[in-house]
Structure formats: C-alpha cells, structure tokens
Amino acid sequence: MTRTLEANKIITFRRKHGLSPQQLADALGYHTRTIQRLESGEYQPSAHFLKIFDIYICYKNRLPLVEIENASRFCQRVANVFETKYL
C-alpha cells in the first residue's frame, strides 16, 4: 500500500516530536493499531480523527486554536482535555 499525504503528515509529526505510535495513540484516544494502520495507508483517517489530530498539532506546537479553521465547541473541549492532561 502506498502512503497518503495524511499518513505522511502523521508520521512526520510523530517523529518530529519523538512520539511512539503508542504515545500518539494514547494522546489522541485511539488504539495503537489504528495509528499504525493510518501510517501504513491501510486506513484512511476520518474527518473526526483529522480534526483531533490538527488540535493536537496546535497544542504540541503551542499554536492558538484559532489556527484551526472552523474549530467547533467539541474541538475546544478536546483541546482543554489536552491542556489538563499534559500541562
């Protein structure tokens, strides 16, 4: 299987921040196997996953949530969970 642009984005981000697939899965609330399948291109990420992943990118890079276009209340709650859990 060939990797998608999204798969490459996940891998690049994870490696840049020194995270294992397990650590990224734990942070995002997914199973490790799901992250592995997304990275291999076996799965296509859902819109829900991509939004949570984008929030996590903003959190890890210390960017304000306004950087995410159309951030919903749900996304803001998820960001608050990241701040509570990882600060």
Foldseek 3Di string as FASTA:
>chain_A
DDADPVLVVLVVVCVVVVHDLCRVCVLLVHHSVVNVCNNRVVDPDDPVSVLSVVLVVCVVVVHDPVVDPPQDPVSVVSNVVSVVVPD
